[in-house]
Amino acid sequence: MAHVFFVVNELRDRDMALALRIEGEILQQAATLEPGESLQCRILLEAGGGGPLLYMELGQEGWTRVLPPLSLDASPTAIGLAMQRLLRKDRRQATV
């Protein structure tokens, strides 16, 4: 399982339960990586026209990927699936 370090999670100040569910989804998806991987994750909030948007950055030395912004109403499962696609894409690129 990869080691994920949550450098910042701005959602914790707004909704701790949601923040922890999202972190759990990210950790679950990171479990698909090779053991020993270290990833930094930032969960950020930004104002949007329809309410706050959630941005997530994931990376390690040499690369960073940002998920498209999601509404706070998005389910943690949807966030987990988006993270899964991101991680799979990065793994394919790393093997090329």
N, C-alpha and C. Protein backbone atom coordinates (compact mmCIF):
# COMPACT_ATOMS: atom_id res chain seq x y z
N MET A 1 0.84 -1.18 0.00
CA MET A 1 0.00 0.00 0.00
C MET A 1 0.88 1.24 0.00
N ALA A 2 0.49 2.21 -0.76
CA ALA A 2 1.22 3.47 -0.81
C ALA A 2 1.00 4.25 0.48
N HIS A 3 1.96 5.06 0.82
CA HIS A 3 1.85 5.96 1.96
C HIS A 3 1.35 7.30 1.43
N VAL A 4 0.20 7.74 1.89
CA VAL A 4 -0.36 9.01 1.45
C VAL A 4 -0.26 9.99 2.60
N PHE A 5 0.35 11.12 2.34
CA PHE A 5 0.48 12.18 3.33
C PHE A 5 -0.45 13.31 2.93
N PHE A 6 -1.41 13.62 3.78
CA PHE A 6 -2.32 14.72 3.52
C PHE A 6 -1.66 16.00 4.02
N VAL A 7 -1.00 16.68 3.08
CA VAL A 7 -0.27 17.89 3.40
C VAL A 7 -1.22 18.97 3.89
N VAL A 8 -2.36 19.08 3.23
CA VAL A 8 -3.40 20.03 3.64
C VAL A 8 -4.75 19.44 3.25
N ASN A 9 -5.74 19.67 4.11
CA ASN A 9 -7.11 19.29 3.80
C ASN A 9 -8.00 20.42 4.33
N GLU A 10 -8.28 21.37 3.46
CA GLU A 10 -9.08 22.52 3.86
C GLU A 10 -10.52 22.15 4.21
N LEU A 11 -10.95 21.01 3.79
CA LEU A 11 -12.30 20.56 4.09
C LEU A 11 -12.48 20.21 5.57
N ARG A 12 -11.39 19.89 6.25
CA ARG A 12 -11.47 19.51 7.67
C ARG A 12 -12.09 20.62 8.52
N ASP A 13 -11.81 21.87 8.20
CA ASP A 13 -12.37 22.97 8.97
C ASP A 13 -13.85 23.19 8.69
N ARG A 14 -14.32 22.72 7.57
CA ARG A 14 -15.71 22.94 7.16
C ARG A 14 -16.61 21.77 7.52
N ASP A 15 -16.14 20.54 7.25
CA ASP A 15 -16.95 19.34 7.47
C ASP A 15 -16.02 18.16 7.72
N MET A 16 -15.71 17.94 9.00
CA MET A 16 -14.73 16.91 9.37
C MET A 16 -15.15 15.52 8.90
N ALA A 17 -16.42 15.18 9.04
CA ALA A 17 -16.87 13.84 8.62
C ALA A 17 -16.66 13.63 7.13
N LEU A 18 -17.03 14.62 6.32
CA LEU A 18 -16.82 14.51 4.87
C LEU A 18 -15.34 14.45 4.54
N ALA A 19 -14.55 15.27 5.21
CA ALA A 19 -13.10 15.27 4.98
C ALA A 19 -12.51 13.89 5.24
N LEU A 20 -12.92 13.26 6.32
CA LEU A 20 -12.40 11.93 6.65
C LEU A 20 -12.88 10.86 5.68
N ARG A 21 -14.13 10.98 5.19
CA ARG A 21 -14.62 10.01 4.19
C ARG A 21 -13.84 10.13 2.89
N ILE A 22 -13.56 11.36 2.48
CA ILE A 22 -12.80 11.57 1.25
C ILE A 22 -11.37 11.06 1.40
N GLU A 23 -10.76 11.34 2.54
CA GLU A 23 -9.41 10.81 2.79
C GLU A 23 -9.43 9.29 2.73
N GLY A 24 -10.47 8.68 3.28
CA GLY A 24 -10.59 7.22 3.24
C GLY A 24 -10.68 6.68 1.82
N GLU A 25 -11.44 7.36 0.97
CA GLU A 25 -11.53 6.95 -0.44
C GLU A 25 -10.17 7.06 -1.12
N ILE A 26 -9.45 8.12 -0.84
CA ILE A 26 -8.13 8.31 -1.44
C ILE A 26 -7.18 7.21 -0.97
N LEU A 27 -7.21 6.91 0.32
CA LEU A 27 -6.35 5.85 0.86
C LEU A 27 -6.69 4.49 0.25
N GLN A 28 -7.98 4.24 0.07
CA GLN A 28 -8.40 2.97 -0.53
C GLN A 28 -7.87 2.84 -1.96
N GLN A 29 -7.94 3.91 -2.73
CA GLN A 29 -7.44 3.86 -4.11
C GLN A 29 -5.92 3.77 -4.13
N ALA A 30 -5.26 4.40 -3.20
CA ALA A 30 -3.80 4.35 -3.14
C ALA A 30 -3.31 2.95 -2.82
N ALA A 31 -4.16 2.14 -2.23
CA ALA A 31 -3.78 0.76 -1.91
C ALA A 31 -3.48 -0.05 -3.16
N THR A 32 -3.90 0.44 -4.33
CA THR A 32 -3.63 -0.27 -5.58
C THR A 32 -2.20 -0.04 -6.07
N LEU A 33 -1.50 0.89 -5.47
CA LEU A 33 -0.12 1.17 -5.88
C LEU A 33 0.84 0.19 -5.24
N GLU A 34 2.03 0.15 -5.79
CA GLU A 34 3.06 -0.72 -5.25
C GLU A 34 3.40 -0.30 -3.82
N PRO A 35 3.72 -1.26 -2.97
CA PRO A 35 4.10 -0.92 -1.60
C PRO A 35 5.31 0.01 -1.60
N GLY A 36 5.31 0.93 -0.67
CA GLY A 36 6.43 1.84 -0.53
C GLY A 36 6.30 3.15 -1.27
N GLU A 37 5.32 3.27 -2.19
CA GLU A 37 5.11 4.55 -2.86
C GLU A 37 4.75 5.60 -1.81
N SER A 38 5.25 6.80 -1.98
CA SER A 38 4.89 7.92 -1.10
C SER A 38 4.24 9.00 -1.95
N LEU A 39 3.05 9.39 -1.58
CA LEU A 39 2.30 10.39 -2.32
C LEU A 39 1.88 11.51 -1.38
N GLN A 40 1.94 12.73 -1.89
CA GLN A 40 1.44 13.87 -1.15
C GLN A 40 0.08 14.25 -1.72
N CYS A 41 -0.85 14.57 -0.84
CA CYS A 41 -2.19 14.93 -1.29
C CYS A 41 -2.59 16.25 -0.65
N ARG A 42 -3.16 17.11 -1.48
CA ARG A 42 -3.71 18.37 -1.00
C ARG A 42 -5.18 18.41 -1.39
N ILE A 43 -6.03 18.68 -0.42
CA ILE A 43 -7.46 18.83 -0.67
C ILE A 43 -7.78 20.30 -0.39
N LEU A 44 -8.19 20.99 -1.45
CA LEU A 44 -8.37 22.43 -1.38
C LEU A 44 -9.80 22.82 -1.72
N LEU A 45 -10.27 23.92 -1.14
CA LEU A 45 -11.59 24.47 -1.44
C LEU A 45 -11.43 25.81 -2.12
N GLU A 46 -12.26 26.04 -3.13
CA GLU A 46 -12.29 27.34 -3.79
C GLU A 46 -13.74 27.73 -4.02
N ALA A 47 -14.00 29.03 -3.99
CA ALA A 47 -15.35 29.53 -4.22
C ALA A 47 -15.75 29.26 -5.66
N GLY A 48 -16.98 28.85 -5.84
CA GLY A 48 -17.53 28.64 -7.17
C GLY A 48 -18.89 29.32 -7.25
N GLY A 49 -19.38 29.53 -8.45
CA GLY A 49 -20.67 30.20 -8.63
C GLY A 49 -21.81 29.48 -7.96
N GLY A 50 -21.77 28.15 -7.93
CA GLY A 50 -22.85 27.36 -7.32
C GLY A 50 -22.48 26.86 -5.94
N GLY A 51 -21.44 27.37 -5.36
CA GLY A 51 -20.98 26.93 -4.05
C GLY A 51 -19.52 26.51 -4.12
N PRO A 52 -18.96 26.14 -2.97
CA PRO A 52 -17.54 25.77 -2.94
C PRO A 52 -17.23 24.57 -3.82
N LEU A 53 -16.04 24.59 -4.41
CA LEU A 53 -15.57 23.47 -5.22
C LEU A 53 -14.38 22.83 -4.54
N LEU A 54 -14.28 21.54 -4.71
CA LEU A 54 -13.23 20.75 -4.12
C LEU A 54 -12.17 20.45 -5.18
N TYR A 55 -10.93 20.78 -4.88
CA TYR A 55 -9.81 20.47 -5.76
C TYR A 55 -8.88 19.52 -5.02
N MET A 56 -8.34 18.55 -5.73
CA MET A 56 -7.40 17.63 -5.12
C MET A 56 -6.15 17.53 -5.98
N GLU A 57 -5.03 17.64 -5.33
CA GLU A 57 -3.73 17.50 -5.99
C GLU A 57 -3.05 16.27 -5.39
N LEU A 58 -2.46 15.48 -6.24
CA LEU A 58 -1.77 14.28 -5.80
C LEU A 58 -0.45 14.21 -6.53
N GLY A 59 0.61 13.87 -5.83
CA GLY A 59 1.89 13.78 -6.52
C GLY A 59 3.01 13.30 -5.62
N GLN A 60 4.16 13.34 -6.22
CA GLN A 60 5.40 13.03 -5.53
C GLN A 60 6.48 13.80 -6.26
N GLU A 61 7.69 13.67 -5.85
CA GLU A 61 8.76 14.44 -6.48
C GLU A 61 8.80 14.15 -7.97
N GLY A 62 8.71 15.20 -8.77
CA GLY A 62 8.78 15.05 -10.21
C GLY A 62 7.45 15.13 -10.94
N TRP A 63 6.33 14.96 -10.23
CA TRP A 63 5.04 15.09 -10.91
C TRP A 63 3.94 15.43 -9.92
N THR A 64 2.95 16.13 -10.43
CA THR A 64 1.75 16.47 -9.67
C THR A 64 0.57 16.41 -10.63
N ARG A 65 -0.52 15.84 -10.18
CA ARG A 65 -1.74 15.78 -10.97
C ARG A 65 -2.85 16.44 -10.17
N VAL A 66 -3.73 17.13 -10.88
CA VAL A 66 -4.86 17.81 -10.24
C VAL A 66 -6.14 17.23 -10.82
N LEU A 67 -7.03 16.81 -9.95
CA LEU A 67 -8.34 16.33 -10.42
C LEU A 67 -9.19 17.53 -10.80
N PRO A 68 -10.03 17.39 -11.81
CA PRO A 68 -10.96 18.48 -12.13
C PRO A 68 -11.79 18.82 -10.89
N PRO A 69 -12.21 20.06 -10.76
CA PRO A 69 -12.96 20.45 -9.56
C PRO A 69 -14.28 19.68 -9.44
N LEU A 70 -14.63 19.38 -8.21
CA LEU A 70 -15.86 18.66 -7.92
C LEU A 70 -16.68 19.47 -6.94
N SER A 71 -17.98 19.34 -7.02
CA SER A 71 -18.88 19.97 -6.06
C SER A 71 -18.72 19.27 -4.71
N LEU A 72 -18.97 19.99 -3.64
CA LEU A 72 -18.96 19.35 -2.32
C LEU A 72 -20.07 18.33 -2.19
N ASP A 73 -21.05 18.40 -3.09
CA ASP A 73 -22.15 17.44 -3.07
C ASP A 73 -21.77 16.11 -3.73
N ALA A 74 -20.62 16.06 -4.40
CA ALA A 74 -20.18 14.81 -5.03
C ALA A 74 -19.96 13.76 -3.94
N SER A 75 -20.35 12.56 -4.23
CA SER A 75 -20.19 11.50 -3.23
C SER A 75 -18.72 11.13 -3.07
N PRO A 76 -18.33 10.71 -1.86
CA PRO A 76 -16.96 10.25 -1.68
C PRO A 76 -16.60 9.12 -2.64
N THR A 77 -17.58 8.29 -3.00
CA THR A 77 -17.33 7.21 -3.96
C THR A 77 -16.95 7.78 -5.32
N ALA A 78 -17.65 8.84 -5.77
CA ALA A 78 -17.32 9.48 -7.04
C ALA A 78 -15.91 10.06 -6.99
N ILE A 79 -15.56 10.61 -5.87
CA ILE A 79 -14.21 11.15 -5.70
C ILE A 79 -13.18 10.01 -5.75
N GLY A 80 -13.50 8.91 -5.11
CA GLY A 80 -12.61 7.75 -5.15
C GLY A 80 -12.40 7.22 -6.55
N LEU A 81 -13.48 7.17 -7.34
CA LEU A 81 -13.37 6.70 -8.73
C LEU A 81 -12.52 7.65 -9.57
N ALA A 82 -12.69 8.96 -9.37
CA ALA A 82 -11.87 9.93 -10.09
C ALA A 82 -10.40 9.76 -9.72
N MET A 83 -10.14 9.54 -8.46
CA MET A 83 -8.76 9.33 -7.99
C MET A 83 -8.20 8.04 -8.58
N GLN A 84 -9.02 7.01 -8.66
CA GLN A 84 -8.58 5.74 -9.24
C GLN A 84 -8.15 5.92 -10.70
N ARG A 85 -8.95 6.65 -11.48
CA ARG A 85 -8.59 6.90 -12.88
C ARG A 85 -7.28 7.67 -12.97
N LEU A 86 -7.11 8.64 -12.11
CA LEU A 86 -5.88 9.43 -12.10
C LEU A 86 -4.66 8.56 -11.79
N LEU A 87 -4.78 7.72 -10.79
CA LEU A 87 -3.66 6.86 -10.41
C LEU A 87 -3.34 5.85 -11.49
N ARG A 88 -4.35 5.27 -12.12
CA ARG A 88 -4.10 4.31 -13.20
C ARG A 88 -3.41 4.98 -14.37
N LYS A 89 -3.84 6.18 -14.73
CA LYS A 89 -3.23 6.91 -15.82
C LYS A 89 -1.75 7.17 -15.52
N ASP A 90 -1.44 7.59 -14.31
CA ASP A 90 -0.07 7.86 -13.94
C ASP A 90 0.78 6.60 -13.96
N ARG A 91 0.20 5.48 -13.56
CA ARG A 91 0.96 4.23 -13.57
C ARG A 91 1.27 3.80 -15.00
N ARG A 92 0.31 4.01 -15.93
CA ARG A 92 0.56 3.67 -17.33
C ARG A 92 1.67 4.54 -17.89
N GLN A 93 1.64 5.83 -17.58
CA GLN A 93 2.66 6.74 -18.08
C GLN A 93 4.03 6.40 -17.52
N ALA A 94 4.07 5.93 -16.28
CA ALA A 94 5.34 5.62 -15.65
C ALA A 94 6.00 4.40 -16.27
N THR A 95 5.20 3.50 -16.85
CA THR A 95 5.76 2.28 -17.42
C THR A 95 6.13 2.43 -18.89
N VAL A 96 5.76 3.54 -19.50
CA VAL A 96 6.05 3.73 -20.93
C VAL A 96 7.51 4.11 -21.13
